PDB file of N, CA and C in Angstrom:
ATOM      1  N   MET A   1      28.410   5.387  19.599  1.00  0.00           N
ATOM      2  CA  MET A   1      27.544   5.962  18.601  1.00  0.00           C
ATOM      3  C   MET A   1      28.077   7.305  18.131  1.00  0.00           C
ATOM      4  N   PHE A   2      28.595   8.103  19.073  1.00  0.00           N
ATOM      5  CA  PHE A   2      29.124   9.405  18.683  1.00  0.00           C
ATOM      6  C   PHE A   2      30.313   9.259  17.746  1.00  0.00           C
ATOM      7  N   ARG A   3      31.124   8.238  17.961  1.00  0.00           N
ATOM      8  CA  ARG A   3      32.282   8.015  17.093  1.00  0.00           C
ATOM      9  C   ARG A   3      31.825   7.666  15.669  1.00  0.00           C
ATOM     10  N   THR A   4      30.759   6.910  15.547  1.00  0.00           N
ATOM     11  CA  THR A   4      30.231   6.566  14.227  1.00  0.00           C
ATOM     12  C   THR A   4      29.718   7.814  13.518  1.00  0.00           C
ATOM     13  N   ILE A   5      28.982   8.648  14.231  1.00  0.00           N
ATOM     14  CA  ILE A   5      28.485   9.888  13.639  1.00  0.00           C
ATOM     15  C   ILE A   5      29.654  10.776  13.231  1.00  0.00           C
ATOM     16  N   TRP A   6      30.664  10.878  14.082  1.00  0.00           N
ATOM     17  CA  TRP A   6      31.829  11.701  13.781  1.00  0.00           C
ATOM     18  C   TRP A   6      32.544  11.182  12.538  1.00  0.00           C
ATOM     19  N   THR A   7      32.617   9.850  12.388  1.00  0.00           N
ATOM     20  CA  THR A   7      33.272   9.252  11.227  1.00  0.00           C
ATOM     21  C   THR A   7      32.517   9.595   9.941  1.00  0.00           C
ATOM     22  N   PHE A   8      31.203   9.588   9.985  1.00  0.00           N
ATOM     23  CA  PHE A   8      30.428   9.954   8.805  1.00  0.00           C
ATOM     24  C   PHE A   8      30.647  11.406   8.415  1.00  0.00           C
ATOM     25  N   ASN A   9      30.978  12.243   9.372  1.00  0.00           N
ATOM     26  CA  ASN A   9      31.185  13.659   9.095  1.00  0.00           C
ATOM     27  C   ASN A   9      32.624  13.990   8.742  1.00  0.00           C
ATOM     28  N   THR A  10      33.488  13.009   8.675  1.00  0.00           N
ATOM     29  CA  THR A  10      34.884  13.261   8.336  1.00  0.00           C
ATOM     30  C   THR A  10      34.970  13.600   6.854  1.00  0.00           C
ATOM     31  N   PHE A  11      35.173  14.850   6.584  1.00  0.00           N
ATOM     32  CA  PHE A  11      35.278  15.291   5.206  1.00  0.00           C
ATOM     33  C   PHE A  11      36.558  16.076   4.974  1.00  0.00           C
ATOM     34  N   GLU A  12      36.815  17.044   5.835  1.00  0.00           N
ATOM     35  CA  GLU A  12      37.916  17.975   5.608  1.00  0.00           C
ATOM     36  C   GLU A  12      39.254  17.272   5.483  1.00  0.00           C
ATOM     37  N   GLU A  13      39.549  16.384   6.431  1.00  0.00           N
ATOM     38  CA  GLU A  13      40.842  15.711   6.420  1.00  0.00           C
ATOM     39  C   GLU A  13      41.024  14.885   5.151  1.00  0.00           C
ATOM     40  N   ILE A  14      39.994  14.137   4.801  1.00  0.00           N
ATOM     41  CA  ILE A  14      40.085  13.272   3.623  1.00  0.00           C
ATOM     42  C   ILE A  14      40.240  14.104   2.356  1.00  0.00           C
ATOM     43  N   TYR A  15      39.409  15.116   2.209  1.00  0.00           N
ATOM     44  CA  TYR A  15      39.431  15.881   0.969  1.00  0.00           C
ATOM     45  C   TYR A  15      40.699  16.714   0.827  1.00  0.00           C
ATOM     46  N   LEU A  16      41.131  17.325   1.912  1.00  0.00           N
ATOM     47  CA  LEU A  16      42.323  18.167   1.823  1.00  0.00           C
ATOM     48  C   LEU A  16      43.605  17.355   1.630  1.00  0.00           C
ATOM     49  N   LEU A  17      43.677  16.189   2.244  1.00  0.00           N
ATOM     50  CA  LEU A  17      44.904  15.399   2.152  1.00  0.00           C
ATOM     51  C   LEU A  17      44.963  14.515   0.916  1.00  0.00           C
ATOM     52  N   THR A  18      43.855  13.870   0.549  1.00  0.00           N
ATOM     53  CA  THR A  18      43.919  12.877  -0.528  1.00  0.00           C
ATOM     54  C   THR A  18      42.913  13.092  -1.646  1.00  0.00           C
ATOM     55  N   ARG A  19      41.913  13.956  -1.429  1.00  0.00           N
ATOM     56  CA  ARG A  19      40.808  14.135  -2.384  1.00  0.00           C
ATOM     57  C   ARG A  19      40.125  12.811  -2.736  1.00  0.00           C
ATOM     58  N   GLY A  20      40.085  11.897  -1.769  1.00  0.00           N
ATOM     59  CA  GLY A  20      39.400  10.623  -1.962  1.00  0.00           C
ATOM     60  C   GLY A  20      40.264   9.549  -2.579  1.00  0.00           C
ATOM     61  N   GLY A  21      41.513   9.808  -2.818  1.00  0.00           N
ATOM     62  CA  GLY A  21      42.375   8.853  -3.517  1.00  0.00           C
ATOM     63  C   GLY A  21      43.377   8.214  -2.608  1.00  0.00           C
ATOM     64  N   PRO A  22      44.286   7.434  -3.086  1.00  0.00           N
ATOM     65  CA  PRO A  22      44.449   7.041  -4.482  1.00  0.00           C
ATOM     66  C   PRO A  22      43.310   6.127  -4.930  1.00  0.00           C
ATOM     67  N   GLY A  23      42.856   6.365  -6.099  1.00  0.00           N
ATOM     68  CA  GLY A  23      41.670   5.652  -6.582  1.00  0.00           C
ATOM     69  C   GLY A  23      40.471   6.105  -5.776  1.00  0.00           C
ATOM     70  N   THR A  24      39.821   5.164  -5.121  1.00  0.00           N
ATOM     71  CA  THR A  24      38.709   5.481  -4.226  1.00  0.00           C
ATOM     72  C   THR A  24      38.963   4.898  -2.839  1.00  0.00           C
ATOM     73  N   SER A  25      40.220   4.756  -2.452  1.00  0.00           N
ATOM     74  CA  SER A  25      40.534   4.089  -1.189  1.00  0.00           C
ATOM     75  C   SER A  25      40.102   4.882   0.037  1.00  0.00           C
ATOM     76  N   THR A  26      40.036   6.196  -0.029  1.00  0.00           N
ATOM     77  CA  THR A  26      39.576   6.982   1.111  1.00  0.00           C
ATOM     78  C   THR A  26      38.295   7.741   0.797  1.00  0.00           C
ATOM     79  N   PHE A  27      37.558   7.293  -0.191  1.00  0.00           N
ATOM     80  CA  PHE A  27      36.312   7.923  -0.607  1.00  0.00           C
ATOM     81  C   PHE A  27      35.206   7.510   0.355  1.00  0.00           C
ATOM     82  N   ASN A  28      34.442   8.462   0.889  1.00  0.00           N
ATOM     83  CA  ASN A  28      33.287   8.142   1.723  1.00  0.00           C
ATOM     84  C   ASN A  28      32.073   8.922   1.223  1.00  0.00           C
ATOM     85  N   LEU A  29      30.946   8.786   1.906  1.00  0.00           N
ATOM     86  CA  LEU A  29      29.720   9.426   1.429  1.00  0.00           C
ATOM     87  C   LEU A  29      29.803  10.946   1.474  1.00  0.00           C
ATOM     88  N   ALA A  30      30.507  11.501   2.450  1.00  0.00           N
ATOM     89  CA  ALA A  30      30.627  12.955   2.535  1.00  0.00           C
ATOM     90  C   ALA A  30      31.428  13.506   1.356  1.00  0.00           C
ATOM     91  N   VAL A  31      32.509  12.841   1.002  1.00  0.00           N
ATOM     92  CA  VAL A  31      33.310  13.265  -0.152  1.00  0.00           C
ATOM     93  C   VAL A  31      32.509  13.081  -1.434  1.00  0.00           C
ATOM     94  N   TYR A  32      31.763  11.981  -1.521  1.00  0.00           N
ATOM     95  CA  TYR A  32      30.934  11.737  -2.696  1.00  0.00           C
ATOM     96  C   TYR A  32      29.884  12.840  -2.866  1.00  0.00           C
ATOM     97  N   ALA A  33      29.220  13.215  -1.771  1.00  0.00           N
ATOM     98  CA  ALA A  33      28.207  14.272  -1.848  1.00  0.00           C
ATOM     99  C   ALA A  33      28.833  15.596  -2.282  1.00  0.00           C
ATOM    100  N   PHE A  34      30.002  15.905  -1.761  1.00  0.00           N
ATOM    101  CA  PHE A  34      30.674  17.148  -2.142  1.00  0.00           C
ATOM    102  C   PHE A  34      31.066  17.126  -3.614  1.00  0.00           C
ATOM    103  N   GLU A  35      31.638  16.020  -4.056  1.00  0.00           N
ATOM    104  CA  GLU A  35      32.048  15.917  -5.460  1.00  0.00           C
ATOM    105  C   GLU A  35      30.848  16.062  -6.393  1.00  0.00           C
ATOM    106  N   GLN A  36      29.739  15.407  -6.060  1.00  0.00           N
ATOM    107  CA  GLN A  36      28.564  15.487  -6.916  1.00  0.00           C
ATOM    108  C   GLN A  36      27.966  16.891  -6.900  1.00  0.00           C
ATOM    109  N   GLY A  37      27.928  17.516  -5.739  1.00  0.00           N
ATOM    110  CA  GLY A  37      27.298  18.829  -5.629  1.00  0.00           C
ATOM    111  C   GLY A  37      28.132  19.966  -6.175  1.00  0.00           C
ATOM    112  N   MET A  38      29.413  19.966  -5.885  1.00  0.00           N
ATOM    113  CA  MET A  38      30.258  21.103  -6.251  1.00  0.00           C
ATOM    114  C   MET A  38      31.020  20.896  -7.558  1.00  0.00           C
ATOM    115  N   ALA A  39      31.609  19.745  -7.736  1.00  0.00           N
ATOM    116  CA  ALA A  39      32.420  19.519  -8.933  1.00  0.00           C
ATOM    117  C   ALA A  39      31.551  19.204 -10.153  1.00  0.00           C
ATOM    118  N   ASN A  40      30.499  18.412  -9.953  1.00  0.00           N
ATOM    119  CA  ASN A  40      29.676  17.979 -11.083  1.00  0.00           C
ATOM    120  C   ASN A  40      28.359  18.734 -11.205  1.00  0.00           C
ATOM    121  N   LEU A  41      28.071  19.615 -10.245  1.00  0.00           N
ATOM    122  CA  LEU A  41      26.832  20.404 -10.203  1.00  0.00           C
ATOM    123  C   LEU A  41      25.577  19.537 -10.279  1.00  0.00           C
ATOM    124  N   ARG A  42      25.651  18.356  -9.677  1.00  0.00           N
ATOM    125  CA  ARG A  42      24.485  17.475  -9.572  1.00  0.00           C
ATOM    126  C   ARG A  42      23.929  17.642  -8.163  1.00  0.00           C
ATOM    127  N   LEU A  43      23.247  18.755  -7.943  1.00  0.00           N
ATOM    128  CA  LEU A  43      22.804  19.136  -6.612  1.00  0.00           C
ATOM    129  C   LEU A  43      21.747  18.192  -6.053  1.00  0.00           C
ATOM    130  N   GLY A  44      20.905  17.656  -6.896  1.00  0.00           N
ATOM    131  CA  GLY A  44      19.893  16.704  -6.440  1.00  0.00           C
ATOM    132  C   GLY A  44      20.523  15.437  -5.899  1.00  0.00           C
ATOM    133  N   LEU A  45      21.537  14.939  -6.587  1.00  0.00           N
ATOM    134  CA  LEU A  45      22.233  13.737  -6.131  1.00  0.00           C
ATOM    135  C   LEU A  45      22.986  14.001  -4.830  1.00  0.00           C
ATOM    136  N   ALA A  46      23.573  15.187  -4.704  1.00  0.00           N
ATOM    137  CA  ALA A  46      24.269  15.545  -3.472  1.00  0.00           C
ATOM    138  C   ALA A  46      23.284  15.629  -2.302  1.00  0.00           C
ATOM    139  N   ALA A  47      22.120  16.206  -2.532  1.00  0.00           N
ATOM    140  CA  ALA A  47      21.107  16.294  -1.485  1.00  0.00           C
ATOM    141  C   ALA A  47      20.579  14.913  -1.113  1.00  0.00           C
ATOM    142  N   ALA A  48      20.380  14.059  -2.103  1.00  0.00           N
ATOM    143  CA  ALA A  48      19.926  12.694  -1.835  1.00  0.00           C
ATOM    144  C   ALA A  48      20.968  11.920  -1.035  1.00  0.00           C
ATOM    145  N   THR A  49      22.240  12.155  -1.313  1.00  0.00           N
ATOM    146  CA  THR A  49      23.296  11.500  -0.552  1.00  0.00           C
ATOM    147  C   THR A  49      23.268  11.962   0.895  1.00  0.00           C
ATOM    148  N   GLY A  50      23.004  13.238   1.121  1.00  0.00           N
ATOM    149  CA  GLY A  50      22.865  13.746   2.483  1.00  0.00           C
ATOM    150  C   GLY A  50      21.715  13.091   3.221  1.00  0.00           C
ATOM    151  N   VAL A  51      20.609  12.877   2.531  1.00  0.00           N
ATOM    152  CA  VAL A  51      19.460  12.205   3.141  1.00  0.00           C
ATOM    153  C   VAL A  51      19.813  10.755   3.474  1.00  0.00           C
ATOM    154  N   VAL A  52      20.537  10.087   2.598  1.00  0.00           N
ATOM    155  CA  VAL A  52      20.965   8.703   2.859  1.00  0.00           C
ATOM    156  C   VAL A  52      21.858   8.660   4.098  1.00  0.00           C
ATOM    157  N   ILE A  53      22.758   9.614   4.237  1.00  0.00           N
ATOM    158  CA  ILE A  53      23.626   9.672   5.410  1.00  0.00           C
ATOM    159  C   ILE A  53      22.797   9.828   6.678  1.00  0.00           C
ATOM    160  N   ILE A  54      21.808  10.722   6.643  1.00  0.00           N
ATOM    161  CA  ILE A  54      20.958  10.941   7.815  1.00  0.00           C
ATOM    162  C   ILE A  54      20.172   9.682   8.160  1.00  0.00           C
ATOM    163  N   VAL A  55      19.612   9.018   7.158  1.00  0.00           N
ATOM    164  CA  VAL A  55      18.836   7.793   7.400  1.00  0.00           C
ATOM    165  C   VAL A  55      19.725   6.698   7.986  1.00  0.00           C
ATOM    166  N   LEU A  56      20.931   6.528   7.458  1.00  0.00           N
ATOM    167  CA  LEU A  56      21.847   5.520   7.989  1.00  0.00           C
ATOM    168  C   LEU A  56      22.215   5.810   9.446  1.00  0.00           C
ATOM    169  N   LEU A  57      22.495   7.067   9.749  1.00  0.00           N
ATOM    170  CA  LEU A  57      22.851   7.420  11.122  1.00  0.00           C
ATOM    171  C   LEU A  57      21.660   7.263  12.069  1.00  0.00           C
ATOM    172  N   LEU A  58      20.466   7.608  11.611  1.00  0.00           N
ATOM    173  CA  LEU A  58      19.275   7.445  12.437  1.00  0.00           C
ATOM    174  C   LEU A  58      19.000   5.967  12.707  1.00  0.00           C
ATOM    175  N   ALA A  59      19.080   5.140  11.677  1.00  0.00           N
ATOM    176  CA  ALA A  59      18.856   3.702  11.849  1.00  0.00           C
ATOM    177  C   ALA A  59      19.907   3.105  12.783  1.00  0.00           C
ATOM    178  N   GLY A  60      21.153   3.496  12.610  1.00  0.00           N
ATOM    179  CA  GLY A  60      22.205   2.999  13.491  1.00  0.00           C
ATOM    180  C   GLY A  60      22.002   3.441  14.928  1.00  0.00           C
ATOM    181  N   SER A  61      21.541   4.662  15.122  1.00  0.00           N
ATOM    182  CA  SER A  61      21.283   5.160  16.473  1.00  0.00           C
ATOM    183  C   SER A  61      20.148   4.393  17.131  1.00  0.00           C
ATOM    184  N   ILE A  62      19.093   4.128  16.383  1.00  0.00           N
ATOM    185  CA  ILE A  62      17.963   3.378  16.931  1.00  0.00           C
ATOM    186  C   ILE A  62      18.389   1.977  17.321  1.00  0.00           C
ATOM    187  N   VAL A  63      19.143   1.313  16.466  1.00  0.00           N
ATOM    188  CA  VAL A  63      19.634  -0.032  16.780  1.00  0.00           C
ATOM    189  C   VAL A  63      20.533   0.001  18.009  1.00  0.00           C
ATOM    190  N   ASP A  64      21.402   0.981  18.090  1.00  0.00           N
ATOM    191  CA  ASP A  64      22.314   1.090  19.227  1.00  0.00           C
ATOM    192  C   ASP A  64      21.558   1.296  20.529  1.00  0.00           C
ATOM    193  N   VAL A  65      20.552   2.147  20.529  1.00  0.00           N
ATOM    194  CA  VAL A  65      19.773   2.402  21.742  1.00  0.00           C
ATOM    195  C   VAL A  65      19.007   1.149  22.155  1.00  0.00           C
ATOM    196  N   ARG A  66      18.448   0.446  21.208  1.00  0.00           N
ATOM    197  CA  ARG A  66      17.679  -0.758  21.543  1.00  0.00           C
ATOM    198  C   ARG A  66      18.565  -1.891  22.032  1.00  0.00           C
ATOM    199  N   VAL A  67      19.720  -2.054  21.418  1.00  0.00           N
ATOM    200  CA  VAL A  67      20.631  -3.125  21.834  1.00  0.00           C
ATOM    201  C   VAL A  67      21.228  -2.823  23.202  1.00  0.00           C
ATOM    202  N   SER A  68      21.583  -1.580  23.448  1.00  0.00           N
ATOM    203  CA  SER A  68      22.203  -1.220  24.720  1.00  0.00           C
ATOM    204  C   SER A  68      21.196  -1.182  25.868  1.00  0.00           C
ATOM    205  N   GLY A  69      19.928  -1.038  25.545  1.00  0.00           N
ATOM    206  CA  GLY A  69      18.910  -0.971  26.576  1.00  0.00           C
ATOM    207  C   GLY A  69      18.863   0.365  27.280  1.00  0.00           C
ATOM    208  N   PHE A  70      19.471   1.372  26.696  1.00  0.00           N
ATOM    209  CA  PHE A  70      19.488   2.706  27.301  1.00  0.00           C
ATOM    210  C   PHE A  70      18.071   3.244  27.387  1.00  0.00           C
ATOM    211  N   GLY A  71      17.694   3.723  28.542  1.00  0.00           N
ATOM    212  CA  GLY A  71      16.382   4.297  28.731  1.00  0.00           C
ATOM    213  C   GLY A  71      15.309   3.280  29.090  1.00  0.00           C
ATOM    214  N   ALA A  72      15.685   2.008  29.111  1.00  0.00           N
ATOM    215  CA  ALA A  72      14.707   0.981  29.467  1.00  0.00           C
ATOM    216  C   ALA A  72      14.483   0.999  30.977  1.00  0.00           C
ATOM    217  N   GLU A  73      13.265   0.899  31.358  1.00  0.00           N
ATOM    218  CA  GLU A  73      12.947   0.887  32.791  1.00  0.00           C
ATOM    219  C   GLU A  73      13.278  -0.470  33.375  1.00  0.00           C
ATOM    220  N   GLU A  74      13.839  -0.432  34.564  1.00  0.00           N
ATOM    221  CA  GLU A  74      14.178  -1.676  35.244  1.00  0.00           C
ATOM    222  C   GLU A  74      12.919  -2.242  35.875  1.00  0.00           C
ATOM    223  N   LYS A  75      12.660  -3.516  35.632  1.00  0.00           N
ATOM    224  CA  LYS A  75      11.446  -4.156  36.164  1.00  0.00           C
ATOM    225  C   LYS A  75      11.692  -4.541  37.626  1.00  0.00           C
ATOM    226  N   PRO A  76      10.721  -4.248  38.483  1.00  0.00           N
ATOM    227  CA  PRO A  76      10.880  -4.629  39.882  1.00  0.00           C
ATOM    228  C   PRO A  76      10.813  -6.139  40.044  1.00  0.00           C
ATOM    229  N   ALA A  77      11.539  -6.651  41.002  1.00  0.00           N
ATOM    230  CA  ALA A  77      11.600  -8.105  41.230  1.00  0.00           C
ATOM    231  C   ALA A  77      10.398  -8.630  41.918  1.00  0.00           C
TER     232      ALA A  77
END
């Protein structure tokens, strides 16, 4: 789960090395939010993209915890 969260936060390497290119081959949600917020001054869209990222990570975390059974009490035999 931590690796998935870390992947969603990968921005610096992608933007500094390729700026999301060639084309959109290395474009992700973090780069999209930055481009919309800073380059296009569409701050509402950038904020909404951040909320989408948080919701996706929260949903993925909940699914991961439920599937793995982490925190589930062991039933006595």
